[in-house]
Amino acid sequence: MSISCDIVQEPHFTCMNTRVALSLVILTLSLTACGTDDSPMSRHQVCERLASATCERLAACEPLVAQSGCTAREMSRCCPDGVCAEPVIADAERLAACEDAVATMSCTALTDGDLPASCDNLTDPVPETKPDAGTPPPGDGPTADEGILEVNWAIYAGGTALQCDQFQGTQTIRIIATRAMGSSITRDFSCVDFSGLTTLPVGAYSVVAQARSANGTVVQQTTASTVGVSAGGSSTSFTFTVTTTLGSYCLQLATAVCNACAPSDTSCKANAVNECCGTDGICGRAAIADPQAFPACVSAYGSGSYCSGTSPSVCQGAIDVF
């Protein structure tokens, strides 16, 4: 039994000989040289240079892959609002060290989205500056026993930054801050901002973040992290990650079509999964299935009407692969 490759949403993949073939869209980043004065660089400047270094290395790792979308993707990951004018702690020496490390890093680590340790924290704001990331709760600002907490978040599938609507329609990011005595404080932010400010009483908290859909369903919750809120201001970041893979979805489709079309063929399921993603070695790629189209696709394959290898029309674009 074969599973047609048009279940995979373009532009992430193209189809070849009824198999899913990876059309890997690798991110390209370009950075301009920073100035020689002592003024801090902006986050946008740093993001541009990180982008350039990353994409140049990706081009070397994947010489046959088109890099046209790389810069835009990396910039959306590093600078979600497209402006990022706030000054950051990176300096010319540290940024150059990061670029040198990226130029020699392994291709596997790069495609997994793991930059070298020398690149860590380069886009953190300078201590005296708070980015214009949102509006604190109504009032005259924090009281003497309160501090401002800056909350940042990102969503990734493999090494690709996602927008909120791509992550099962996430609309709200909720943080739940719990103090040692057990009392909790909840704050909600609009997901598309990717950053927000709030005030909390000064102290230590165990904080989790939840990505929530429009109806309040928790799409994913992060592990707890310890955050200290101080009168001088504090910040924390959370990352949501797509954990489902193309292979897991191919297995569901293979099970449906084999049960319907070849129940006694013990090799059917393995062959179908191999045609879906194994031949091209992409079963482990991060993937998201459309919550309406994919169940309908599984049902159609399980109906027994598609045993010849054709694909149900409802399966078109049912899986987005990264």
C-alpha atoms as a PDB file:
ATOM      1  CA  MET A   1       0.000   0.000   0.000  1.00  0.00           C
ATOM      2  CA  SER A   2       1.320   3.446  -0.750  1.00  0.00           C
ATOM      3  CA  ILE A   3       0.503   6.794   0.770  1.00  0.00           C
ATOM      4  CA  SER A   4       0.493   9.689  -1.646  1.00  0.00           C
ATOM      5  CA  CYS A   5       2.841  12.513  -0.817  1.00  0.00           C
ATOM      6  CA  ASP A   6       0.355  15.306  -1.441  1.00  0.00           C
ATOM      7  CA  ILE A   7      -0.772  15.058   2.186  1.00  0.00           C
ATOM      8  CA  VAL A   8       2.220  17.234   3.017  1.00  0.00           C
ATOM      9  CA  GLN A   9       1.661  20.977   2.875  1.00  0.00           C
ATOM     10  CA  GLU A  10       3.767  22.972   0.422  1.00  0.00           C
ATOM     11  CA  PRO A  11       6.126  24.798   0.480  1.00  0.00           C
ATOM     12  CA  HIS A  12       7.815  22.608   3.085  1.00  0.00           C
ATOM     13  CA  PHE A  13       7.834  19.496   0.878  1.00  0.00           C
ATOM     14  CA  THR A  14       7.470  18.503  -2.734  1.00  0.00           C
ATOM     15  CA  CYS A  15       6.309  15.126  -4.070  1.00  0.00           C
ATOM     16  CA  MET A  16       8.413  12.689  -6.071  1.00  0.00           C
ATOM     17  CA  ASN A  17       7.306   9.283  -7.338  1.00  0.00           C
ATOM     18  CA  THR A  18       4.497   8.932  -4.756  1.00  0.00           C
ATOM     19  CA  ARG A  19       6.929   9.509  -1.897  1.00  0.00           C
ATOM     20  CA  VAL A  20       7.231  12.482   0.370  1.00  0.00           C
ATOM     21  CA  ALA A  21      10.484  14.252  -0.541  1.00  0.00           C
ATOM     22  CA  LEU A  22      11.864  16.906   1.693  1.00  0.00           C
ATOM     23  CA  SER A  23      12.136  20.374   0.245  1.00  0.00           C
ATOM     24  CA  LEU A  24      14.095  21.737   3.154  1.00  0.00           C
ATOM     25  CA  VAL A  25      13.547  25.434   3.554  1.00  0.00           C
ATOM     26  CA  ILE A  26      16.671  26.566   5.390  1.00  0.00           C
ATOM     27  CA  LEU A  27      16.784  29.908   7.031  1.00  0.00           C
ATOM     28  CA  THR A  28      19.164  32.595   5.792  1.00  0.00           C
ATOM     29  CA  LEU A  29      20.427  35.383   7.945  1.00  0.00           C
ATOM     30  CA  SER A  30      22.492  38.424   6.963  1.00  0.00           C
ATOM     31  CA  LEU A  31      24.235  40.761   9.321  1.00  0.00           C
ATOM     32  CA  THR A  32      25.790  44.121   8.676  1.00  0.00           C
ATOM     33  CA  ALA A  33      29.033  45.150  10.270  1.00  0.00           C
ATOM     34  CA  CYS A  34      28.550  47.027  13.487  1.00  0.00           C
ATOM     35  CA  GLY A  35      29.955  50.467  14.139  1.00  0.00           C
ATOM     36  CA  THR A  36      33.134  51.226  15.930  1.00  0.00           C
ATOM     37  CA  ASP A  37      31.689  53.680  18.442  1.00  0.00           C
ATOM     38  CA  ASP A  38      30.887  52.791  22.044  1.00  0.00           C
ATOM     39  CA  SER A  39      27.113  53.048  21.701  1.00  0.00           C
ATOM     40  CA  PRO A  40      25.238  49.765  22.255  1.00  0.00           C
ATOM     41  CA  MET A  41      24.121  47.809  19.242  1.00  0.00           C
ATOM     42  CA  SER A  42      20.418  47.336  18.714  1.00  0.00           C
ATOM     43  CA  ARG A  43      18.826  43.909  18.813  1.00  0.00           C
ATOM     44  CA  HIS A  44      17.992  44.306  15.111  1.00  0.00           C
ATOM     45  CA  GLN A  45      21.669  44.828  14.228  1.00  0.00           C
ATOM     46  CA  VAL A  46      22.718  41.767  16.205  1.00  0.00           C
ATOM     47  CA  CYS A  47      19.923  39.667  14.707  1.00  0.00           C
ATOM     48  CA  GLU A  48      21.014  40.636  11.193  1.00  0.00           C
ATOM     49  CA  ARG A  49      24.570  39.512  11.818  1.00  0.00           C
ATOM     50  CA  LEU A  50      23.532  36.302  13.540  1.00  0.00           C
ATOM     51  CA  ALA A  51      21.245  35.650  10.599  1.00  0.00           C
ATOM     52  CA  SER A  52      24.008  36.176   8.063  1.00  0.00           C
ATOM     53  CA  ALA A  53      26.401  33.852   9.873  1.00  0.00           C
ATOM     54  CA  THR A  54      23.775  31.154  10.272  1.00  0.00           C
ATOM     55  CA  CYS A  55      22.638  31.244   6.653  1.00  0.00           C
ATOM     56  CA  GLU A  56      26.144  31.244   5.256  1.00  0.00           C
ATOM     57  CA  ARG A  57      26.854  28.102   7.257  1.00  0.00           C
ATOM     58  CA  LEU A  58      23.549  26.551   6.169  1.00  0.00           C
ATOM     59  CA  ALA A  59      24.426  27.242   2.540  1.00  0.00           C
ATOM     60  CA  ALA A  60      27.711  25.395   3.025  1.00  0.00           C
ATOM     61  CA  CYS A  61      25.971  22.486   4.763  1.00  0.00           C
ATOM     62  CA  GLU A  62      23.172  22.221   2.188  1.00  0.00           C
ATOM     63  CA  PRO A  63      24.655  23.474  -1.119  1.00  0.00           C
ATOM     64  CA  LEU A  64      21.767  22.056  -3.170  1.00  0.00           C
ATOM     65  CA  VAL A  65      19.028  23.668  -1.086  1.00  0.00           C
ATOM     66  CA  ALA A  66      17.602  27.046  -2.037  1.00  0.00           C
ATOM     67  CA  GLN A  67      18.308  29.644   0.665  1.00  0.00           C
ATOM     68  CA  SER A  68      15.911  32.343  -0.504  1.00  0.00           C
ATOM     69  CA  GLY A  69      13.705  32.241   2.601  1.00  0.00           C
ATOM     70  CA  CYS A  70      16.445  31.962   5.186  1.00  0.00           C
ATOM     71  CA  THR A  71      16.902  35.595   6.162  1.00  0.00           C
ATOM     72  CA  ALA A  72      13.214  36.285   6.716  1.00  0.00           C
ATOM     73  CA  ARG A  73      12.751  33.154   8.805  1.00  0.00           C
ATOM     74  CA  GLU A  74      15.778  33.762  11.024  1.00  0.00           C
ATOM     75  CA  MET A  75      14.847  37.397  11.524  1.00  0.00           C
ATOM     76  CA  SER A  76      11.316  36.430  12.565  1.00  0.00           C
ATOM     77  CA  ARG A  77      12.874  34.071  15.094  1.00  0.00           C
ATOM     78  CA  CYS A  78      15.340  36.594  16.498  1.00  0.00           C
ATOM     79  CA  CYS A  79      13.339  39.804  15.994  1.00  0.00           C
ATOM     80  CA  PRO A  80       9.620  38.887  15.966  1.00  0.00           C
ATOM     81  CA  ASP A  81       8.273  42.434  15.654  1.00  0.00           C
ATOM     82  CA  GLY A  82      10.630  43.337  12.790  1.00  0.00           C
ATOM     83  CA  VAL A  83      11.854  46.478  14.602  1.00  0.00           C
ATOM     84  CA  CYS A  84      13.814  45.437  17.715  1.00  0.00           C
ATOM     85  CA  ALA A  85      15.368  48.854  18.223  1.00  0.00           C
ATOM     86  CA  GLU A  86      16.237  48.279  21.900  1.00  0.00           C
ATOM     87  CA  PRO A  87      19.957  48.256  22.812  1.00  0.00           C
ATOM     88  CA  VAL A  88      21.426  44.877  23.779  1.00  0.00           C
ATOM     89  CA  ILE A  89      24.449  43.662  25.725  1.00  0.00           C
ATOM     90  CA  ALA A  90      26.329  42.274  22.700  1.00  0.00           C
ATOM     91  CA  ASP A  91      29.581  43.981  21.778  1.00  0.00           C
ATOM     92  CA  ALA A  92      31.747  43.696  18.676  1.00  0.00           C
ATOM     93  CA  GLU A  93      34.172  41.195  20.225  1.00  0.00           C
ATOM     94  CA  ARG A  94      31.501  38.814  21.518  1.00  0.00           C
ATOM     95  CA  LEU A  95      29.506  39.003  18.310  1.00  0.00           C
ATOM     96  CA  ALA A  96      32.573  38.275  16.192  1.00  0.00           C
ATOM     97  CA  ALA A  97      33.375  35.254  18.381  1.00  0.00           C
ATOM     98  CA  CYS A  98      29.842  33.974  17.845  1.00  0.00           C
ATOM     99  CA  GLU A  99      30.128  34.413  14.066  1.00  0.00           C
ATOM    100  CA  ASP A 100      33.442  32.527  14.019  1.00  0.00           C
ATOM    101  CA  ALA A 101      31.918  29.681  16.037  1.00  0.00           C
ATOM    102  CA  VAL A 102      28.891  29.433  13.732  1.00  0.00           C
ATOM    103  CA  ALA A 103      31.158  29.248  10.676  1.00  0.00           C
ATOM    104  CA  THR A 104      32.751  26.030  11.981  1.00  0.00           C
ATOM    105  CA  MET A 105      29.871  24.380  13.850  1.00  0.00           C
ATOM    106  CA  SER A 106      28.530  20.991  12.787  1.00  0.00           C
ATOM    107  CA  CYS A 107      25.768  20.889  10.202  1.00  0.00           C
ATOM    108  CA  THR A 108      23.680  18.619  12.423  1.00  0.00           C
ATOM    109  CA  ALA A 109      23.709  21.068  15.320  1.00  0.00           C
ATOM    110  CA  LEU A 110      22.916  23.936  12.981  1.00  0.00           C
ATOM    111  CA  THR A 111      19.869  22.283  11.388  1.00  0.00           C
ATOM    112  CA  ASP A 112      18.659  21.418  14.892  1.00  0.00           C
ATOM    113  CA  GLY A 113      18.711  25.136  15.718  1.00  0.00           C
ATOM    114  CA  ASP A 114      21.492  24.888  18.319  1.00  0.00           C
ATOM    115  CA  LEU A 115      23.872  27.840  18.083  1.00  0.00           C
ATOM    116  CA  PRO A 116      27.266  27.705  19.875  1.00  0.00           C
ATOM    117  CA  ALA A 117      27.505  28.760  23.522  1.00  0.00           C
ATOM    118  CA  SER A 118      29.406  31.894  22.505  1.00  0.00           C
ATOM    119  CA  CYS A 119      26.161  33.141  20.908  1.00  0.00           C
ATOM    120  CA  ASP A 120      24.129  32.872  24.112  1.00  0.00           C
ATOM    121  CA  ASN A 121      22.450  36.003  25.500  1.00  0.00           C
ATOM    122  CA  LEU A 122      23.743  38.348  22.808  1.00  0.00           C
ATOM    123  CA  THR A 123      20.268  39.807  22.323  1.00  0.00           C
ATOM    124  CA  ASP A 124      19.549  40.344  26.023  1.00  0.00           C
ATOM    125  CA  PRO A 125      18.664  43.997  26.721  1.00  0.00           C
ATOM    126  CA  VAL A 126      21.156  46.189  28.530  1.00  0.00           C
ATOM    127  CA  PRO A 127      20.250  46.294  32.249  1.00  0.00           C
ATOM    128  CA  GLU A 128      19.124  49.936  32.233  1.00  0.00           C
ATOM    129  CA  THR A 129      16.796  49.514  29.248  1.00  0.00           C
ATOM    130  CA  LYS A 130      13.405  47.853  29.082  1.00  0.00           C
ATOM    131  CA  PRO A 131      12.080  46.957  25.624  1.00  0.00           C
ATOM    132  CA  ASP A 132       8.744  48.384  24.625  1.00  0.00           C
ATOM    133  CA  ALA A 133       7.191  44.934  24.877  1.00  0.00           C
ATOM    134  CA  GLY A 134       3.809  45.683  26.334  1.00  0.00           C
ATOM    135  CA  THR A 135       1.882  47.631  28.923  1.00  0.00           C
ATOM    136  CA  PRO A 136       1.954  46.869  32.656  1.00  0.00           C
ATOM    137  CA  PRO A 137      -1.390  46.436  34.418  1.00  0.00           C
ATOM    138  CA  PRO A 138      -3.383  49.645  35.076  1.00  0.00           C
ATOM    139  CA  GLY A 139      -2.072  51.887  37.836  1.00  0.00           C
ATOM    140  CA  ASP A 140       0.852  54.146  38.530  1.00  0.00           C
ATOM    141  CA  GLY A 141       3.463  51.406  38.152  1.00  0.00           C
ATOM    142  CA  PRO A 142       4.950  49.022  40.699  1.00  0.00           C
ATOM    143  CA  THR A 143       4.740  49.856  44.376  1.00  0.00           C
ATOM    144  CA  ALA A 144       7.718  49.683  46.735  1.00  0.00           C
ATOM    145  CA  ASP A 145       7.266  45.922  47.210  1.00  0.00           C
ATOM    146  CA  GLU A 146       6.609  45.137  43.537  1.00  0.00           C
ATOM    147  CA  GLY A 147       8.822  44.660  40.515  1.00  0.00           C
ATOM    148  CA  ILE A 148       8.300  44.602  36.750  1.00  0.00           C
ATOM    149  CA  LEU A 149       8.622  41.190  35.133  1.00  0.00           C
ATOM    150  CA  GLU A 150       9.348  40.975  31.419  1.00  0.00           C
ATOM    151  CA  VAL A 151       8.089  37.740  29.871  1.00  0.00           C
ATOM    152  CA  ASN A 152       9.307  36.540  26.452  1.00  0.00           C
ATOM    153  CA  TRP A 153       8.324  33.433  24.520  1.00  0.00           C
ATOM    154  CA  ALA A 154       9.053  31.674  21.231  1.00  0.00           C
ATOM    155  CA  ILE A 155       7.639  28.703  19.335  1.00  0.00           C
ATOM    156  CA  TYR A 156       9.870  26.330  17.373  1.00  0.00           C
ATOM    157  CA  ALA A 157       9.481  23.330  15.098  1.00  0.00           C
ATOM    158  CA  GLY A 158      12.944  21.865  14.704  1.00  0.00           C
ATOM    159  CA  GLY A 159      15.047  24.942  13.958  1.00  0.00           C
ATOM    160  CA  THR A 160      12.148  26.920  12.491  1.00  0.00           C
ATOM    161  CA  ALA A 161      10.402  29.714  14.379  1.00  0.00           C
ATOM    162  CA  LEU A 162       6.613  29.499  14.130  1.00  0.00           C
ATOM    163  CA  GLN A 163       3.880  32.073  14.360  1.00  0.00           C
ATOM    164  CA  CYS A 164       1.170  31.550  16.948  1.00  0.00           C
ATOM    165  CA  ASP A 165      -1.541  30.434  14.519  1.00  0.00           C
ATOM    166  CA  GLN A 166       0.754  27.670  13.249  1.00  0.00           C
ATOM    167  CA  PHE A 167       0.941  26.177  16.749  1.00  0.00           C
ATOM    168  CA  GLN A 168      -2.570  24.698  16.853  1.00  0.00           C
ATOM    169  CA  GLY A 169      -4.123  28.138  16.774  1.00  0.00           C
ATOM    170  CA  THR A 170      -2.505  29.455  19.952  1.00  0.00           C
ATOM    171  CA  GLN A 171      -3.922  32.865  20.910  1.00  0.00           C
ATOM    172  CA  THR A 172      -2.944  33.357  24.547  1.00  0.00           C
ATOM    173  CA  ILE A 173       0.193  32.805  26.596  1.00  0.00           C
ATOM    174  CA  ARG A 174      -0.608  32.354  30.278  1.00  0.00           C
ATOM    175  CA  ILE A 175       2.013  32.402  32.997  1.00  0.00           C
ATOM    176  CA  ILE A 176       1.299  30.922  36.412  1.00  0.00           C
ATOM    177  CA  ALA A 177       3.697  32.173  39.086  1.00  0.00           C
ATOM    178  CA  THR A 178       3.649  30.193  42.337  1.00  0.00           C
ATOM    179  CA  ARG A 179       5.336  31.366  45.539  1.00  0.00           C
ATOM    180  CA  ALA A 180       6.970  29.082  48.092  1.00  0.00           C
ATOM    181  CA  MET A 181       3.903  29.240  50.366  1.00  0.00           C
ATOM    182  CA  GLY A 182       1.741  27.900  47.524  1.00  0.00           C
ATOM    183  CA  SER A 183      -0.195  30.993  46.424  1.00  0.00           C
ATOM    184  CA  SER A 184      -0.323  31.561  42.655  1.00  0.00           C
ATOM    185  CA  ILE A 185      -0.664  34.600  40.403  1.00  0.00           C
ATOM    186  CA  THR A 186      -1.887  34.267  36.804  1.00  0.00           C
ATOM    187  CA  ARG A 187      -1.180  36.653  33.953  1.00  0.00           C
ATOM    188  CA  ASP A 188      -2.384  36.399  30.326  1.00  0.00           C
ATOM    189  CA  PHE A 189      -0.670  37.856  27.236  1.00  0.00           C
ATOM    190  CA  SER A 190      -1.543  37.946  23.549  1.00  0.00           C
ATOM    191  CA  CYS A 191       0.588  35.287  21.872  1.00  0.00           C
ATOM    192  CA  VAL A 192       1.367  37.371  18.768  1.00  0.00           C
ATOM    193  CA  ASP A 193       3.280  39.941  20.859  1.00  0.00           C
ATOM    194  CA  PHE A 194       5.940  37.342  21.811  1.00  0.00           C
ATOM    195  CA  SER A 195       6.738  39.541  24.826  1.00  0.00           C
ATOM    196  CA  GLY A 196       4.925  41.337  27.631  1.00  0.00           C
ATOM    197  CA  LEU A 197       5.356  43.217  30.890  1.00  0.00           C
ATOM    198  CA  THR A 198       3.557  42.732  34.194  1.00  0.00           C
ATOM    199  CA  THR A 199       4.070  43.590  37.863  1.00  0.00           C
ATOM    200  CA  LEU A 200       4.440  41.027  40.643  1.00  0.00           C
ATOM    201  CA  PRO A 201       5.290  41.280  44.331  1.00  0.00           C
ATOM    202  CA  VAL A 202       9.052  41.059  44.867  1.00  0.00           C
ATOM    203  CA  GLY A 203      10.194  37.507  45.599  1.00  0.00           C
ATOM    204  CA  ALA A 204      11.011  34.097  44.153  1.00  0.00           C
ATOM    205  CA  TYR A 205       8.497  32.200  42.031  1.00  0.00           C
ATOM    206  CA  SER A 206       8.159  28.880  40.286  1.00  0.00           C
ATOM    207  CA  VAL A 207       6.745  29.886  36.908  1.00  0.00           C
ATOM    208  CA  VAL A 208       5.194  27.846  34.092  1.00  0.00           C
ATOM    209  CA  ALA A 209       3.890  29.148  30.782  1.00  0.00           C
ATOM    210  CA  GLN A 210       0.930  27.762  28.862  1.00  0.00           C
ATOM    211  CA  ALA A 211       0.121  28.179  25.174  1.00  0.00           C
ATOM    212  CA  ARG A 212      -3.685  28.304  24.915  1.00  0.00           C
ATOM    213  CA  SER A 213      -6.056  28.148  21.971  1.00  0.00           C
ATOM    214  CA  ALA A 214      -9.043  30.451  21.467  1.00  0.00           C
ATOM    215  CA  ASN A 215     -11.324  28.178  23.519  1.00  0.00           C
ATOM    216  CA  GLY A 216      -8.858  27.976  26.399  1.00  0.00           C
ATOM    217  CA  THR A 217      -7.450  24.530  25.598  1.00  0.00           C
ATOM    218  CA  VAL A 218      -3.861  24.151  26.778  1.00  0.00           C
ATOM    219  CA  VAL A 219      -1.833  23.380  23.660  1.00  0.00           C
ATOM    220  CA  GLN A 220       1.395  22.968  25.615  1.00  0.00           C
ATOM    221  CA  GLN A 221       2.768  23.802  29.065  1.00  0.00           C
ATOM    222  CA  THR A 222       6.441  24.426  29.754  1.00  0.00           C
ATOM    223  CA  THR A 223       8.389  22.954  32.626  1.00  0.00           C
ATOM    224  CA  ALA A 224       8.633  25.159  35.697  1.00  0.00           C
ATOM    225  CA  SER A 225      11.499  27.615  36.025  1.00  0.00           C
ATOM    226  CA  THR A 226      12.567  29.637  39.042  1.00  0.00           C
ATOM    227  CA  VAL A 227      12.228  33.383  38.562  1.00  0.00           C
ATOM    228  CA  GLY A 228      13.304  36.057  41.013  1.00  0.00           C
ATOM    229  CA  VAL A 229      11.287  39.269  40.748  1.00  0.00           C
ATOM    230  CA  SER A 230      13.206  42.291  42.016  1.00  0.00           C
ATOM    231  CA  ALA A 231      12.369  45.949  42.441  1.00  0.00           C
ATOM    232  CA  GLY A 232      14.858  46.770  39.692  1.00  0.00           C
ATOM    233  CA  GLY A 233      13.053  44.604  37.133  1.00  0.00           C
ATOM    234  CA  SER A 234      13.472  41.012  35.986  1.00  0.00           C
ATOM    235  CA  SER A 235      12.957  38.959  32.838  1.00  0.00           C
ATOM    236  CA  THR A 236      12.292  35.355  31.889  1.00  0.00           C
ATOM    237  CA  SER A 237      11.860  33.443  28.639  1.00  0.00           C
ATOM    238  CA  PHE A 238       9.901  30.361  27.623  1.00  0.00           C
ATOM    239  CA  THR A 239      10.137  28.141  24.557  1.00  0.00           C
ATOM    240  CA  PHE A 240       7.331  26.020  23.149  1.00  0.00           C
ATOM    241  CA  THR A 241       8.420  23.186  20.865  1.00  0.00           C
ATOM    242  CA  VAL A 242       6.584  21.021  18.346  1.00  0.00           C
ATOM    243  CA  THR A 243       7.180  17.450  19.560  1.00  0.00           C
ATOM    244  CA  THR A 244       5.201  15.490  16.960  1.00  0.00           C
ATOM    245  CA  THR A 245       7.009  14.082  13.921  1.00  0.00           C
ATOM    246  CA  LEU A 246       6.127  13.229  10.341  1.00  0.00           C
ATOM    247  CA  GLY A 247       6.824   9.581  11.137  1.00  0.00           C
ATOM    248  CA  SER A 248       4.110   9.462  13.792  1.00  0.00           C
ATOM    249  CA  TYR A 249       1.528  10.770  11.333  1.00  0.00           C
ATOM    250  CA  CYS A 250       2.707   8.446   8.555  1.00  0.00           C
ATOM    251  CA  LEU A 251       2.280   5.511  10.942  1.00  0.00           C
ATOM    252  CA  GLN A 252      -1.350   6.481  11.589  1.00  0.00           C
ATOM    253  CA  LEU A 253      -2.032   6.668   7.854  1.00  0.00           C
ATOM    254  CA  ALA A 254      -0.200   3.397   7.209  1.00  0.00           C
ATOM    255  CA  THR A 255      -2.215   1.623   9.906  1.00  0.00           C
ATOM    256  CA  ALA A 256      -5.482   2.870   8.428  1.00  0.00           C
ATOM    257  CA  VAL A 257      -4.729   1.925   4.804  1.00  0.00           C
ATOM    258  CA  CYS A 258      -3.171  -1.446   5.647  1.00  0.00           C
ATOM    259  CA  ASN A 259      -6.005  -2.493   7.950  1.00  0.00           C
ATOM    260  CA  ALA A 260      -8.479  -1.647   5.185  1.00  0.00           C
ATOM    261  CA  CYS A 261      -6.594  -2.891   2.128  1.00  0.00           C
ATOM    262  CA  ALA A 262      -4.110  -5.585   3.192  1.00  0.00           C
ATOM    263  CA  PRO A 263      -4.936  -6.846   6.694  1.00  0.00           C
ATOM    264  CA  SER A 264      -2.966 -10.069   6.252  1.00  0.00           C
ATOM    265  CA  ASP A 265       0.146  -8.453   4.770  1.00  0.00           C
ATOM    266  CA  THR A 266       2.621  -8.236   7.654  1.00  0.00           C
ATOM    267  CA  SER A 267       4.975  -5.999   5.688  1.00  0.00           C
ATOM    268  CA  CYS A 268       2.304  -3.525   4.548  1.00  0.00           C
ATOM    269  CA  LYS A 269       2.622  -1.061   7.399  1.00  0.00           C
ATOM    270  CA  ALA A 270       6.416  -0.878   7.311  1.00  0.00           C
ATOM    271  CA  ASN A 271       6.397  -0.435   3.530  1.00  0.00           C
ATOM    272  CA  ALA A 272       3.747   2.297   3.699  1.00  0.00           C
ATOM    273  CA  VAL A 273       5.626   4.246   6.364  1.00  0.00           C
ATOM    274  CA  ASN A 274       8.814   3.887   4.340  1.00  0.00           C
ATOM    275  CA  GLU A 275       7.112   5.307   1.246  1.00  0.00           C
ATOM    276  CA  CYS A 276       5.638   8.144   3.285  1.00  0.00           C
ATOM    277  CA  CYS A 277       8.860   9.330   4.912  1.00  0.00           C
ATOM    278  CA  GLY A 278      11.479   6.622   5.428  1.00  0.00           C
ATOM    279  CA  THR A 279      13.006   6.480   1.966  1.00  0.00           C
ATOM    280  CA  ASP A 280      14.000  10.126   2.197  1.00  0.00           C
ATOM    281  CA  GLY A 281      15.066   9.902   5.831  1.00  0.00           C
ATOM    282  CA  ILE A 282      12.609  12.523   7.053  1.00  0.00           C
ATOM    283  CA  CYS A 283      10.429  10.560   9.475  1.00  0.00           C
ATOM    284  CA  GLY A 284      11.993  12.403  12.398  1.00  0.00           C
ATOM    285  CA  ARG A 285      11.154  15.870  11.094  1.00  0.00           C
ATOM    286  CA  ALA A 286       8.901  18.021  13.250  1.00  0.00           C
ATOM    287  CA  ALA A 287       5.365  18.100  11.885  1.00  0.00           C
ATOM    288  CA  ILE A 288       1.924  19.446  12.738  1.00  0.00           C
ATOM    289  CA  ALA A 289      -1.304  17.922  11.428  1.00  0.00           C
ATOM    290  CA  ASP A 290      -4.338  20.031  10.635  1.00  0.00           C
ATOM    291  CA  PRO A 291      -6.861  19.250  13.410  1.00  0.00           C
ATOM    292  CA  GLN A 292      -9.733  18.920  10.919  1.00  0.00           C
ATOM    293  CA  ALA A 293      -8.119  17.668   7.707  1.00  0.00           C
ATOM    294  CA  PHE A 294      -5.847  14.983   9.164  1.00  0.00           C
ATOM    295  CA  PRO A 295      -8.527  12.947  11.037  1.00  0.00           C
ATOM    296  CA  ALA A 296     -10.631  13.093   7.868  1.00  0.00           C
ATOM    297  CA  CYS A 297      -7.601  11.909   5.878  1.00  0.00           C
ATOM    298  CA  VAL A 298      -7.061   8.939   8.216  1.00  0.00           C
ATOM    299  CA  SER A 299     -10.735   8.053   7.975  1.00  0.00           C
ATOM    300  CA  ALA A 300     -10.651   8.219   4.175  1.00  0.00           C
ATOM    301  CA  TYR A 301      -7.614   5.933   3.943  1.00  0.00           C
ATOM    302  CA  GLY A 302      -9.331   3.536   6.347  1.00  0.00           C
ATOM    303  CA  SER A 303     -12.469   3.352   4.210  1.00  0.00           C
ATOM    304  CA  GLY A 304     -10.876   0.922   1.740  1.00  0.00           C
ATOM    305  CA  SER A 305     -11.588   3.201  -1.207  1.00  0.00           C
ATOM    306  CA  TYR A 306      -7.961   4.152  -1.811  1.00  0.00           C
ATOM    307  CA  CYS A 307      -6.146   0.822  -1.971  1.00  0.00           C
ATOM    308  CA  SER A 308      -4.712   1.541  -5.417  1.00  0.00           C
ATOM    309  CA  GLY A 309      -2.315   4.160  -4.070  1.00  0.00           C
ATOM    310  CA  THR A 310      -4.294   7.272  -4.918  1.00  0.00           C
ATOM    311  CA  SER A 311      -4.724   9.928  -2.252  1.00  0.00           C
ATOM    312  CA  PRO A 312      -8.053  11.244  -0.912  1.00  0.00           C
ATOM    313  CA  SER A 313      -8.549  14.903  -1.789  1.00  0.00           C
ATOM    314  CA  VAL A 314      -9.189  15.688   1.863  1.00  0.00           C
ATOM    315  CA  CYS A 315      -5.558  14.750   2.577  1.00  0.00           C
ATOM    316  CA  GLN A 316      -4.184  17.619   0.509  1.00  0.00           C
ATOM    317  CA  GLY A 317      -2.000  19.703   2.846  1.00  0.00           C
ATOM    318  CA  ALA A 318      -3.132  17.788   5.936  1.00  0.00           C
ATOM    319  CA  ILE A 319       0.393  17.716   7.423  1.00  0.00           C
ATOM    320  CA  ASP A 320       2.757  20.677   7.727  1.00  0.00           C
ATOM    321  CA  VAL A 321       6.388  19.513   7.968  1.00  0.00           C
ATOM    322  CA  PHE A 322       9.380  21.593   9.030  1.00  0.00           C
END
